[in-house]
Amino acid sequence: MVFIPDEILSELLQSYPESWGLEQGVDRINWRVLGRGLADKLSERTGRLITVEDVRIKCKRVRNSLRRLDTSKGKVYANLFTYAWYAHKLGLTNAVDKIASELLSRGELRVVVGDVPVGADLGKVSILEVGENVEEVTVEENVREVPIEANVEVPVEENVREVPVEANVEVPVEENVEDLEDFPGTSAEARLEVRQTEKRRAGDLDDAGNGGPTTSAEAAQRLKARRLQPFDADEAADRVVPNIQRLREVVSKLSAHDKVVNLHFDEVFTDQTTVHCRSEDKLNGCDYVLGRKVLTTKEHPTVLVCGVRSLLTPFNMVLSAYPMTNMTNSIGCGHLIEENIKYTVAIGLEVKALVSDRSPQNRRVARERAGYEIERADGTNSVSYAENSEKKGLINSDKAIRTYELFAAITNFASIFHSGKISTVNWQAQQAVLEGIVEFLTSADLQTDTLGTDTVETFNAFKKLMGELLEAYPDITIQGYRLSTDLLERRNLLPGAVYLTPLFCISVRNSNLKTLVSLSMVKIEYRSPSEIDLDIYK
């Protein structure tokens, strides 16, 4: 779960009363609908991706902690100070009184508890009443502390994270509550252990920061600053927004076939075990590294890549990149698809369909974005459906028949080009299939010069290369495989350019020969990403 600062959550949560769960409870709230706005605001304020599920878990923990505080006799944890208003809304009067008492004992009252007076049994400290619409109680301008009477002594327990109340000194509110899964309210040993842990962490910051002793208040302040530090854009790729005008220039050079596209969101497939190694600029854990997963524990960014594809000229275009520091919960990315659709339309491409596989991430997106029709494009079912439709006569017009024949021809070619094992034994039969496809593409019925020229050139180059390799090394087997994910592993890619990637990459493996050959079906000069210098991103 992503860390959510309590002060920010408390501030934003007040604007979303539908998420309070005053009557039905937080478990009965439709978070998928009602929690999306709050999650988006939190992501914007914190600079990191916070999902609806993260918000649901956090709100549930806060609510349970306030209820325990209301019924237990334990000490008030500082992270709950900012939720006094929420305790008041829930009708937890004991919790409100405890929070107010603790704030008064520390000399600060920084929360809004509503328009009901809040009392605190502090012995010689008089009861403070908070009037209507009063958010802070001050004694002079720009001072946010409540004065303590001269004869009042506020006891400070040994080993407790409290400092004497002084002018202009504000005791920082501890934000990190993720280490306290259930916020123990009655166990003295648990509370003491937490205090000692925090004290040691503050001491470590003293030694590392200044090289010498300092006050506990300063150490705690630095600890808080470190916890609330936003996502560092220098250490990982920040969100990349495309330059629409420059992308339009790129798209304007494409043919009409390229401008009618599907959007594939599975080209860079990452799951909970996929990580990015900054030192090597390499994605690990994609099942593409010699058939095994290589994992690292470094924080990683992941990119959302739209594979812009027409039927005959597939390539990848990085439309945008988003920093994601938590791959455990990948729920809540549906709005990113909407953004990329807008980018795609803005640069001049015509979106016909969204295509995804059956990965858990894409299934979640399909559930979240129920308004879209997302086609599943994996497996061989689509080929069988087309064949059955043609046999039953459902495909009968001249245009529909040509479309089916073209689809079948390209499918046959892909079976060789992508995944076929080419060797001296089966190459003659595979050549016959390729020649039949070339004959079909050059027929007059197809009526498209671009299709025939570009694709036939690729076929001829492929046949020539395979023939020469098999003639030179008759004992080898050539295996084709998809390139897009492997490209990120083997090359120095940055999210600052458009990459027109080859459709196909073949690996020739032999004890005496190891080489890598790339072919492209798009008639655009292909250069390695390190040579591309297109300033198309802001």
Protein backbone atom coordinates (compact mmCIF):
# COMPACT_ATOMS: atom_id res chain seq x y z
CA MET A 1 0.00 0.00 0.00
CA VAL A 2 1.24 3.50 -0.88
CA PHE A 3 1.95 5.81 2.08
CA ILE A 4 -0.74 8.52 2.33
CA PRO A 5 0.10 11.51 4.60
CA ASP A 6 -2.59 11.99 7.24
CA GLU A 7 -2.66 15.78 7.03
CA ILE A 8 -3.32 15.70 3.28
CA LEU A 9 -5.92 12.92 3.55
CA SER A 10 -7.74 14.71 6.38
CA GLU A 11 -7.82 17.96 4.44
CA LEU A 12 -9.14 16.39 1.24
CA LEU A 13 -11.49 13.92 2.94
CA GLN A 14 -13.54 16.81 4.33
CA SER A 15 -14.59 17.65 0.77
CA TYR A 16 -15.89 14.12 0.12
CA PRO A 17 -18.67 13.45 2.67
CA GLU A 18 -19.85 10.48 0.62
CA SER A 19 -16.64 8.73 1.71
CA TRP A 20 -17.17 9.23 5.44
CA GLY A 21 -19.46 6.22 5.87
CA LEU A 22 -21.43 7.81 8.70
CA GLU A 23 -24.42 5.48 8.38
CA GLN A 24 -23.51 2.47 6.28
CA GLY A 25 -19.82 2.17 7.20
CA VAL A 26 -16.77 2.37 4.96
CA ASP A 27 -17.08 -1.25 3.84
CA ARG A 28 -20.43 -0.54 2.18
CA ILE A 29 -19.28 2.51 0.23
CA ASN A 30 -19.02 2.07 -3.53
CA TRP A 31 -15.36 3.09 -3.59
CA ARG A 32 -14.96 2.33 -7.28
CA VAL A 33 -17.35 5.19 -8.05
CA LEU A 34 -17.22 7.49 -5.03
CA GLY A 35 -13.54 7.12 -4.21
CA ARG A 36 -12.04 7.92 -7.60
CA GLY A 37 -12.14 11.68 -7.17
CA LEU A 38 -10.43 11.50 -3.79
CA ALA A 39 -7.78 9.12 -5.13
CA ASP A 40 -7.04 11.45 -8.05
CA LYS A 41 -6.69 14.45 -5.73
CA LEU A 42 -4.37 12.54 -3.42
CA SER A 43 -2.23 11.45 -6.37
CA GLU A 44 -2.01 15.06 -7.52
CA ARG A 45 -1.06 16.40 -4.07
CA THR A 46 1.46 13.70 -3.17
CA GLY A 47 3.09 13.27 -6.57
CA ARG A 48 2.68 9.50 -6.57
CA LEU A 49 0.03 7.10 -7.85
CA ILE A 50 -2.62 6.44 -5.20
CA THR A 51 -5.36 4.04 -6.21
CA VAL A 52 -8.95 3.71 -5.06
CA GLU A 53 -7.99 0.58 -3.16
CA ASP A 54 -5.26 2.49 -1.30
CA VAL A 55 -7.79 5.12 -0.25
CA ARG A 56 -10.31 2.51 0.88
CA ILE A 57 -7.77 0.71 3.08
CA LYS A 58 -6.45 3.96 4.56
CA CYS A 59 -9.93 5.31 5.40
CA LYS A 60 -10.91 2.00 6.97
CA ARG A 61 -7.80 2.02 9.16
CA VAL A 62 -8.39 5.60 10.28
CA ARG A 63 -12.02 4.87 11.13
CA ASN A 64 -11.11 1.73 13.11
CA SER A 65 -8.36 3.60 14.96
CA LEU A 66 -10.76 6.37 15.99
CA ARG A 67 -13.28 3.81 17.24
CA ARG A 68 -10.61 2.05 19.29
CA LEU A 69 -9.50 5.38 20.69
CA ASP A 70 -13.09 6.14 21.70
CA THR A 71 -13.47 2.92 23.72
CA SER A 72 -9.94 2.31 25.02
CA LYS A 73 -7.85 4.00 27.68
CA GLY A 74 -4.66 4.10 25.66
CA LYS A 75 -2.58 7.10 24.66
CA VAL A 76 -3.58 9.20 21.63
CA TYR A 77 -1.26 8.69 18.70
CA ALA A 78 -0.15 11.88 17.00
CA ASN A 79 -1.27 10.73 13.58
CA LEU A 80 -4.90 10.89 14.76
CA PHE A 81 -4.74 14.57 15.79
CA THR A 82 -5.74 15.79 12.35
CA TYR A 83 -8.84 13.52 12.30
CA ALA A 84 -10.59 15.15 15.27
CA TRP A 85 -13.25 16.54 12.94
CA TYR A 86 -13.87 13.03 11.58
CA ALA A 87 -14.26 11.61 15.09
CA HIS A 88 -16.80 14.35 15.79
CA LYS A 89 -18.73 13.47 12.61
CA LEU A 90 -18.77 9.82 13.69
CA GLY A 91 -20.12 10.79 17.10
CA LEU A 92 -17.04 9.54 18.96
CA THR A 93 -17.10 12.09 21.79
CA ASN A 94 -14.52 10.30 23.93
CA ALA A 95 -12.07 10.25 21.04
CA VAL A 96 -12.62 13.98 20.42
CA ASP A 97 -12.01 14.80 24.09
CA LYS A 98 -8.83 12.70 24.17
CA ILE A 99 -7.45 14.36 21.05
CA ALA A 100 -8.29 17.84 22.38
CA SER A 101 -6.71 17.05 25.74
CA GLU A 102 -3.52 15.81 24.13
CA LEU A 103 -3.32 18.86 21.89
CA LEU A 104 -3.79 21.19 24.85
CA SER A 105 -1.14 19.37 26.84
CA ARG A 106 1.26 19.92 23.94
CA GLY A 107 0.30 23.56 23.61
CA GLU A 108 -1.29 23.39 20.19
CA LEU A 109 -4.76 23.09 18.74
CA ARG A 110 -4.62 22.86 15.00
CA VAL A 111 -7.75 20.95 14.17
CA VAL A 112 -11.36 21.79 13.45
CA VAL A 113 -13.72 19.76 15.60
CA GLY A 114 -16.95 21.33 14.46
CA ASP A 115 -19.24 23.87 16.07
CA VAL A 116 -19.58 21.96 19.34
CA PRO A 117 -17.43 23.01 22.36
CA VAL A 118 -14.60 20.60 23.09
CA GLY A 119 -13.56 20.14 26.70
CA ALA A 120 -10.43 18.66 28.21
CA ASP A 121 -9.90 17.52 31.78
CA LEU A 122 -6.42 18.88 32.42
CA GLY A 123 -6.51 19.71 36.11
CA LYS A 124 -5.29 23.30 36.41
CA VAL A 125 -5.65 23.91 32.69
CA SER A 126 -8.95 25.61 32.00
CA ILE A 127 -11.38 24.03 29.59
CA LEU A 128 -11.13 25.55 26.14
CA GLU A 129 -14.21 26.04 24.07
CA VAL A 130 -13.92 26.17 20.34
CA GLY A 131 -16.49 28.54 18.91
CA GLU A 132 -18.38 28.26 15.68
CA ASN A 133 -16.30 28.33 12.53
CA VAL A 134 -13.07 28.79 14.48
CA GLU A 135 -10.24 26.69 13.09
CA GLU A 136 -7.32 27.91 15.20
CA VAL A 137 -6.90 29.44 18.63
CA THR A 138 -4.08 31.98 18.81
CA VAL A 139 -2.86 34.59 21.29
CA GLU A 140 -0.96 36.74 18.85
CA GLU A 141 -0.59 37.04 15.11
CA ASN A 142 1.02 34.08 13.36
CA VAL A 143 1.31 32.09 16.60
CA ARG A 144 -0.66 28.83 16.51
CA GLU A 145 -0.08 27.66 20.09
CA VAL A 146 -2.52 27.81 22.99
CA PRO A 147 -0.86 29.50 26.01
CA ILE A 148 -0.50 27.51 29.21
CA GLU A 149 -1.03 29.24 32.53
CA ALA A 150 2.08 30.12 34.47
CA ASN A 151 1.41 27.78 37.37
CA VAL A 152 0.53 24.81 35.27
CA GLU A 153 3.12 22.11 34.90
CA VAL A 154 2.72 19.73 32.03
CA PRO A 155 4.34 16.42 33.01
CA VAL A 156 6.64 14.87 30.44
CA GLU A 157 7.08 11.14 30.80
CA GLU A 158 10.46 9.56 30.40
CA ASN A 159 11.23 8.30 26.90
CA VAL A 160 8.09 9.94 25.49
CA ARG A 161 8.29 11.90 22.25
CA GLU A 162 7.20 15.25 23.72
CA VAL A 163 9.05 18.52 24.15
CA PRO A 164 8.35 21.54 26.40
CA VAL A 165 5.89 24.03 24.96
CA GLU A 166 7.75 27.14 23.87
CA ALA A 167 6.82 30.14 21.76
CA ASN A 168 7.05 29.49 18.05
CA VAL A 169 7.82 25.81 18.65
CA GLU A 170 5.43 23.41 17.06
CA VAL A 171 5.57 19.74 17.88
CA PRO A 172 5.43 17.95 14.53
CA VAL A 173 2.63 15.57 13.87
CA GLU A 174 3.92 12.09 13.12
CA GLU A 175 2.61 11.04 9.74
CA ASN A 176 3.88 7.54 9.18
CA VAL A 177 1.27 5.21 10.55
CA GLU A 178 1.76 2.44 8.07
CA ASP A 179 4.10 0.64 10.46
CA LEU A 180 1.27 0.47 13.01
CA GLU A 181 -1.09 -1.89 11.30
CA ASP A 182 -3.75 -1.82 13.97
CA PHE A 183 -2.73 1.16 16.14
CA PRO A 184 -2.61 -0.62 19.54
CA GLY A 185 -4.58 1.36 22.06
CA THR A 186 -4.25 -0.55 25.32
CA SER A 187 -0.86 -2.29 25.24
CA ALA A 188 1.72 -0.26 27.17
CA GLU A 189 4.56 -2.43 25.87
CA ALA A 190 3.51 -1.86 22.27
CA ARG A 191 3.33 1.92 22.78
CA LEU A 192 6.73 1.99 24.48
CA GLU A 193 8.27 -0.01 21.64
CA VAL A 194 6.87 2.42 19.07
CA ARG A 195 8.21 5.41 21.00
CA GLN A 196 11.67 3.91 21.29
CA THR A 197 11.72 3.00 17.60
CA GLU A 198 10.79 6.51 16.55
CA LYS A 199 13.35 7.96 18.94
CA ARG A 200 16.10 5.79 17.44
CA ARG A 201 15.10 6.79 13.93
CA ALA A 202 15.21 10.46 14.90
CA GLY A 203 18.65 9.92 16.43
CA ASP A 204 19.90 8.30 13.25
CA LEU A 205 18.83 11.36 11.32
CA ASP A 206 20.75 13.57 13.75
CA ASP A 207 23.99 11.67 13.19
CA ALA A 208 23.59 11.42 9.42
CA GLY A 209 22.47 15.01 8.85
CA ASN A 210 24.70 17.17 11.02
CA GLY A 211 27.33 14.80 12.34
CA GLY A 212 26.56 15.81 15.90
CA PRO A 213 23.87 16.01 18.56
CA THR A 214 20.79 18.18 18.16
CA THR A 215 17.40 18.58 19.75
CA SER A 216 14.79 15.89 19.48
CA ALA A 217 12.36 18.40 17.98
CA GLU A 218 14.73 19.16 15.11
CA ALA A 219 15.32 15.46 14.51
CA ALA A 220 11.61 14.75 14.48
CA GLN A 221 11.06 17.65 12.08
CA ARG A 222 13.64 16.21 9.67
CA LEU A 223 12.03 12.79 10.03
CA LYS A 224 8.68 14.27 9.08
CA ALA A 225 10.21 16.11 6.12
CA ARG A 226 11.76 12.88 4.91
CA ARG A 227 8.45 11.03 5.17
CA LEU A 228 6.59 13.70 3.26
CA GLN A 229 9.25 14.09 0.58
CA PRO A 230 7.56 13.96 -2.84
CA PHE A 231 8.48 11.55 -5.60
CA ASP A 232 11.96 12.45 -6.87
CA ALA A 233 11.80 13.02 -10.59
CA ASP A 234 15.59 12.90 -10.85
CA GLU A 235 15.75 9.32 -9.60
CA ALA A 236 13.01 7.91 -11.80
CA ALA A 237 11.22 8.95 -14.94
CA ASP A 238 8.57 11.55 -14.16
CA ARG A 239 5.32 11.76 -16.01
CA VAL A 240 5.93 12.54 -19.67
CA VAL A 241 3.40 14.64 -21.57
CA PRO A 242 3.61 14.52 -25.35
CA ASN A 243 4.14 17.53 -27.56
CA ILE A 244 1.03 17.23 -29.70
CA GLN A 245 2.35 19.44 -32.52
CA ARG A 246 5.54 17.43 -33.03
CA LEU A 247 3.61 14.16 -32.91
CA ARG A 248 1.28 15.51 -35.58
CA GLU A 249 4.30 16.08 -37.80
CA VAL A 250 5.35 12.46 -37.30
CA VAL A 251 1.85 11.12 -37.98
CA SER A 252 1.46 13.29 -41.07
CA LYS A 253 4.21 11.23 -42.74
CA LEU A 254 2.30 7.98 -42.25
CA SER A 255 0.06 6.45 -44.87
CA ALA A 256 -3.71 6.19 -44.66
CA HIS A 257 -3.35 2.59 -43.48
CA ASP A 258 -1.29 3.71 -40.49
CA LYS A 259 -3.80 6.32 -39.36
CA VAL A 260 -6.59 3.83 -38.61
CA VAL A 261 -5.29 2.11 -35.53
CA ASN A 262 -5.98 -0.13 -32.59
CA LEU A 263 -4.52 0.75 -29.22
CA HIS A 264 -2.74 -2.14 -27.52
CA PHE A 265 -2.00 -1.72 -23.83
CA ASP A 266 -0.03 -4.91 -23.37
CA GLU A 267 3.09 -4.17 -25.40
CA VAL A 268 5.24 -3.51 -22.36
CA PHE A 269 3.73 -6.13 -20.10
CA THR A 270 4.59 -5.58 -16.45
CA ASP A 271 3.12 -7.35 -13.47
CA GLN A 272 3.78 -7.41 -9.74
CA THR A 273 7.18 -9.07 -10.26
CA THR A 274 8.43 -6.75 -12.99
CA VAL A 275 11.00 -4.17 -11.94
CA HIS A 276 13.17 -1.64 -13.70
CA CYS A 277 16.91 -1.58 -12.98
CA ARG A 278 18.07 2.03 -13.18
CA SER A 279 21.77 1.21 -13.36
CA GLU A 280 21.28 -0.94 -16.47
CA ASP A 281 18.12 0.79 -17.77
CA LYS A 282 16.60 -2.65 -18.09
CA LEU A 283 13.25 -4.26 -17.36
CA ASN A 284 13.58 -7.47 -15.39
CA GLY A 285 10.93 -10.09 -14.73
CA CYS A 286 9.19 -10.10 -18.12
CA ASP A 287 9.79 -13.76 -18.98
CA TYR A 288 11.91 -12.62 -21.90
CA VAL A 289 15.37 -13.04 -20.35
CA LEU A 290 16.33 -16.52 -21.54
CA GLY A 291 13.04 -17.87 -20.23
CA ARG A 292 13.68 -16.92 -16.62
CA LYS A 293 12.70 -14.07 -14.36
CA VAL A 294 15.41 -11.79 -13.02
CA LEU A 295 14.27 -9.66 -10.11
CA THR A 296 15.75 -6.68 -8.31
CA THR A 297 14.55 -4.80 -5.26
CA LYS A 298 15.12 -1.27 -6.57
CA GLU A 299 12.23 1.15 -6.90
CA HIS A 300 11.08 1.32 -10.46
CA PRO A 301 9.02 3.33 -12.89
CA THR A 302 6.76 1.66 -15.38
CA VAL A 303 5.47 3.14 -18.61
CA LEU A 304 2.09 2.89 -20.26
CA VAL A 305 2.79 2.27 -23.93
CA CYS A 306 0.24 2.41 -26.71
CA GLY A 307 1.15 0.03 -29.48
CA VAL A 308 -0.14 1.94 -32.49
CA ARG A 309 -1.03 -0.72 -35.03
CA SER A 310 -2.70 -0.95 -38.37
CA LEU A 311 -3.15 -4.29 -40.10
CA LEU A 312 0.08 -4.18 -42.07
CA THR A 313 2.37 -1.58 -40.51
CA PRO A 314 2.72 -2.24 -36.80
CA PHE A 315 4.98 -0.07 -34.68
CA ASN A 316 5.09 1.26 -31.15
CA MET A 317 4.72 4.89 -30.20
CA VAL A 318 5.35 5.95 -26.61
CA LEU A 319 2.50 8.40 -26.10
CA SER A 320 3.06 9.03 -22.41
CA ALA A 321 4.89 7.75 -19.36
CA TYR A 322 3.77 7.66 -15.74
CA PRO A 323 5.84 7.04 -12.61
CA MET A 324 4.48 4.14 -10.58
CA THR A 325 6.21 3.29 -7.33
CA ASN A 326 3.86 0.51 -6.22
CA MET A 327 3.10 -2.41 -8.50
CA THR A 328 1.31 -4.40 -5.81
CA ASN A 329 -1.93 -2.49 -6.34
CA SER A 330 -2.29 -1.58 -10.01
CA ILE A 331 -5.98 -0.73 -9.77
CA GLY A 332 -7.21 2.64 -10.94
CA CYS A 333 -5.43 3.20 -14.27
CA GLY A 334 -8.56 3.52 -16.37
CA HIS A 335 -8.28 7.31 -16.61
CA LEU A 336 -4.83 6.89 -18.18
CA ILE A 337 -6.44 5.07 -21.10
CA GLU A 338 -8.78 8.02 -21.59
CA GLU A 339 -5.83 10.40 -21.64
CA ASN A 340 -4.00 8.33 -24.22
CA ILE A 341 -7.08 8.11 -26.41
CA LYS A 342 -7.25 11.91 -26.36
CA TYR A 343 -3.57 12.14 -27.25
CA THR A 344 -4.05 9.67 -30.10
CA VAL A 345 -6.95 11.61 -31.59
CA ALA A 346 -5.17 14.94 -31.09
CA ILE A 347 -2.15 13.89 -33.13
CA GLY A 348 -4.28 12.80 -36.07
CA LEU A 349 -4.82 9.07 -35.59
CA GLU A 350 -8.28 7.54 -35.83
CA VAL A 351 -8.95 5.10 -32.99
CA LYS A 352 -11.06 2.11 -33.96
CA ALA A 353 -10.70 -0.21 -30.98
CA LEU A 354 -8.91 -0.88 -27.73
CA VAL A 355 -7.25 -4.27 -27.67
CA SER A 356 -5.96 -6.08 -24.61
CA ASP A 357 -5.02 -9.53 -23.45
CA ARG A 358 -6.47 -11.37 -20.45
CA SER A 359 -3.92 -10.17 -17.91
CA PRO A 360 -5.24 -9.27 -14.43
CA GLN A 361 -4.31 -5.62 -14.99
CA ASN A 362 -6.35 -5.37 -18.17
CA ARG A 363 -9.30 -7.18 -16.60
CA ARG A 364 -9.34 -4.59 -13.83
CA VAL A 365 -9.28 -1.78 -16.37
CA ALA A 366 -12.15 -3.40 -18.27
CA ARG A 367 -14.22 -3.51 -15.08
CA GLU A 368 -13.40 0.08 -14.17
CA ARG A 369 -14.03 1.52 -17.62
CA ALA A 370 -17.25 -0.29 -18.37
CA GLY A 371 -18.20 2.43 -20.86
CA TYR A 372 -15.63 1.19 -23.37
CA GLU A 373 -15.85 -1.90 -25.52
CA ILE A 374 -12.49 -3.57 -25.06
CA GLU A 375 -11.80 -6.35 -27.52
CA ARG A 376 -9.71 -9.34 -26.47
CA ALA A 377 -7.12 -10.14 -29.11
CA ASP A 378 -5.20 -13.10 -27.82
CA GLY A 379 -5.25 -16.74 -28.86
CA THR A 380 -6.34 -18.22 -32.19
CA ASN A 381 -10.10 -17.96 -31.69
CA SER A 382 -10.38 -14.91 -33.95
CA VAL A 383 -8.89 -16.86 -36.86
CA SER A 384 -11.31 -19.75 -36.31
CA TYR A 385 -14.28 -17.37 -36.11
CA ALA A 386 -13.31 -15.78 -39.43
CA GLU A 387 -12.90 -19.16 -41.13
CA ASN A 388 -16.25 -20.44 -39.85
CA SER A 389 -17.98 -17.23 -40.92
CA GLU A 390 -16.55 -17.57 -44.42
CA LYS A 391 -17.60 -21.24 -44.68
CA LYS A 392 -21.16 -20.44 -43.55
CA GLY A 393 -21.50 -17.70 -46.13
CA LEU A 394 -21.74 -14.91 -43.57
CA ILE A 395 -18.88 -13.19 -45.37
CA ASN A 396 -20.25 -12.74 -48.88
CA SER A 397 -19.63 -9.26 -50.28
CA ASP A 398 -16.56 -8.66 -52.45
CA LYS A 399 -15.09 -6.23 -49.93
CA ALA A 400 -15.70 -8.55 -46.99
CA ILE A 401 -14.18 -11.52 -48.82
CA ARG A 402 -11.07 -9.49 -49.71
CA THR A 403 -10.78 -8.44 -46.07
CA TYR A 404 -11.04 -12.05 -44.91
CA GLU A 405 -8.49 -13.24 -47.47
CA LEU A 406 -6.10 -10.48 -46.48
CA PHE A 407 -6.56 -11.33 -42.82
CA ALA A 408 -5.89 -15.01 -43.50
CA ALA A 409 -2.82 -14.22 -45.62
CA ILE A 410 -1.25 -11.98 -42.98
CA THR A 411 -2.05 -14.56 -40.29
CA ASN A 412 -0.20 -17.24 -42.29
CA PHE A 413 2.74 -14.92 -42.72
CA ALA A 414 2.82 -14.07 -39.00
CA SER A 415 2.86 -17.78 -38.13
CA ILE A 416 6.21 -17.98 -39.94
CA PHE A 417 7.49 -14.49 -39.31
CA HIS A 418 6.78 -14.35 -35.57
CA SER A 419 6.87 -17.84 -34.14
CA GLY A 420 7.83 -20.28 -36.87
CA LYS A 421 10.91 -22.44 -36.49
CA ILE A 422 12.80 -22.19 -39.75
CA SER A 423 15.26 -24.91 -40.68
CA THR A 424 16.56 -26.63 -43.81
CA VAL A 425 13.90 -29.34 -43.43
CA ASN A 426 10.82 -27.10 -43.48
CA TRP A 427 12.08 -23.99 -45.27
CA GLN A 428 10.91 -25.15 -48.73
CA ALA A 429 7.30 -25.52 -47.55
CA GLN A 430 7.44 -22.19 -45.76
CA GLN A 431 8.78 -20.53 -48.90
CA ALA A 432 5.75 -21.82 -50.82
CA VAL A 433 3.42 -20.21 -48.26
CA LEU A 434 5.27 -16.89 -48.53
CA GLU A 435 5.16 -16.95 -52.34
CA GLY A 436 1.41 -17.53 -52.25
CA ILE A 437 0.97 -14.54 -49.97
CA VAL A 438 3.10 -12.35 -52.25
CA GLU A 439 1.00 -13.41 -55.24
CA PHE A 440 -2.16 -12.44 -53.38
CA LEU A 441 -0.79 -9.06 -52.29
CA THR A 442 0.27 -8.15 -55.83
CA SER A 443 -3.09 -9.08 -57.35
CA ALA A 444 -5.25 -6.41 -58.95
CA ASP A 445 -8.17 -7.10 -56.59
CA LEU A 446 -6.35 -5.64 -53.62
CA GLN A 447 -6.04 -2.23 -55.32
CA THR A 448 -3.46 -0.64 -53.04
CA ASP A 449 0.05 0.17 -54.17
CA THR A 450 1.28 0.99 -50.66
CA LEU A 451 0.25 -2.40 -49.33
CA GLY A 452 1.81 -4.34 -52.16
CA THR A 453 5.06 -2.37 -52.30
CA ASP A 454 5.98 -2.19 -48.62
CA THR A 455 4.86 -5.64 -47.58
CA VAL A 456 6.23 -7.48 -50.60
CA GLU A 457 9.61 -5.79 -50.10
CA THR A 458 9.63 -7.08 -46.53
CA PHE A 459 8.68 -10.59 -47.67
CA ASN A 460 11.42 -10.67 -50.29
CA ALA A 461 14.03 -9.40 -47.82
CA PHE A 462 12.91 -12.02 -45.32
CA LYS A 463 13.12 -14.89 -47.82
CA LYS A 464 16.52 -13.75 -49.06
CA LEU A 465 17.95 -13.49 -45.54
CA MET A 466 16.59 -16.85 -44.40
CA GLY A 467 17.84 -18.58 -47.52
CA GLU A 468 21.35 -17.18 -47.14
CA LEU A 469 21.52 -18.09 -43.45
CA LEU A 470 20.35 -21.66 -44.04
CA GLU A 471 22.75 -22.06 -46.95
CA ALA A 472 25.68 -20.89 -44.83
CA TYR A 473 24.62 -22.80 -41.71
CA PRO A 474 22.43 -25.75 -42.79
CA ASP A 475 22.29 -27.27 -39.30
CA ILE A 476 20.82 -24.29 -37.43
CA THR A 477 17.21 -23.58 -36.49
CA ILE A 478 15.98 -19.98 -36.65
CA GLN A 479 13.35 -19.00 -34.10
CA GLY A 480 11.29 -15.83 -34.45
CA TYR A 481 9.80 -13.95 -31.53
CA ARG A 482 8.11 -10.66 -30.78
CA LEU A 483 10.42 -7.78 -30.15
CA SER A 484 8.61 -4.98 -28.33
CA THR A 485 9.28 -5.97 -24.72
CA ASP A 486 12.69 -7.41 -25.54
CA LEU A 487 13.65 -4.08 -27.07
CA LEU A 488 13.34 -2.38 -23.68
CA GLU A 489 15.61 -4.99 -22.16
CA ARG A 490 18.38 -4.83 -24.73
CA ARG A 491 18.54 -1.17 -25.71
CA ASN A 492 18.97 2.12 -23.90
CA LEU A 493 15.43 3.45 -24.18
CA LEU A 494 14.25 6.77 -22.83
CA PRO A 495 10.62 7.97 -22.75
CA GLY A 496 11.57 11.14 -24.62
CA ALA A 497 11.16 10.00 -28.21
CA VAL A 498 8.89 8.09 -30.55
CA TYR A 499 10.29 4.64 -31.29
CA LEU A 500 9.31 2.93 -34.51
CA THR A 501 10.21 -0.61 -33.55
CA PRO A 502 10.75 -3.52 -35.91
CA LEU A 503 7.95 -6.03 -36.15
CA PHE A 504 10.22 -9.02 -35.96
CA CYS A 505 13.46 -10.13 -34.38
CA ILE A 506 15.07 -13.48 -35.09
CA SER A 507 17.55 -15.26 -32.90
CA VAL A 508 19.97 -17.65 -34.55
CA ARG A 509 21.52 -19.91 -31.93
CA ASN A 510 24.39 -22.24 -32.71
CA SER A 511 27.65 -23.10 -30.99
CA ASN A 512 29.52 -21.25 -33.73
CA LEU A 513 27.06 -18.46 -34.49
CA LYS A 514 25.21 -15.97 -32.32
CA THR A 515 23.62 -13.02 -34.04
CA LEU A 516 20.50 -10.88 -33.93
CA VAL A 517 18.74 -9.72 -37.09
CA SER A 518 15.91 -7.19 -37.26
CA LEU A 519 13.45 -6.60 -40.08
CA SER A 520 10.82 -3.90 -40.36
CA MET A 521 7.50 -4.03 -42.18
CA VAL A 522 7.18 -0.24 -42.08
CA LYS A 523 8.91 1.58 -44.90
CA ILE A 524 10.57 4.06 -42.55
CA GLU A 525 14.29 4.14 -41.97
CA TYR A 526 14.88 2.43 -38.64
CA ARG A 527 17.55 3.69 -36.32
CA SER A 528 18.46 2.53 -32.85
CA PRO A 529 16.80 4.55 -30.08
CA SER A 530 20.16 6.04 -29.05
CA GLU A 531 20.41 7.65 -32.52
CA ILE A 532 16.91 9.11 -32.49
CA ASP A 533 16.80 12.75 -31.45
CA LEU A 534 13.21 13.89 -31.88
CA ASP A 535 12.27 16.55 -29.35
CA ILE A 536 8.60 15.62 -29.29
CA TYR A 537 8.06 15.70 -25.54
CA LYS A 538 7.88 18.69 -23.27
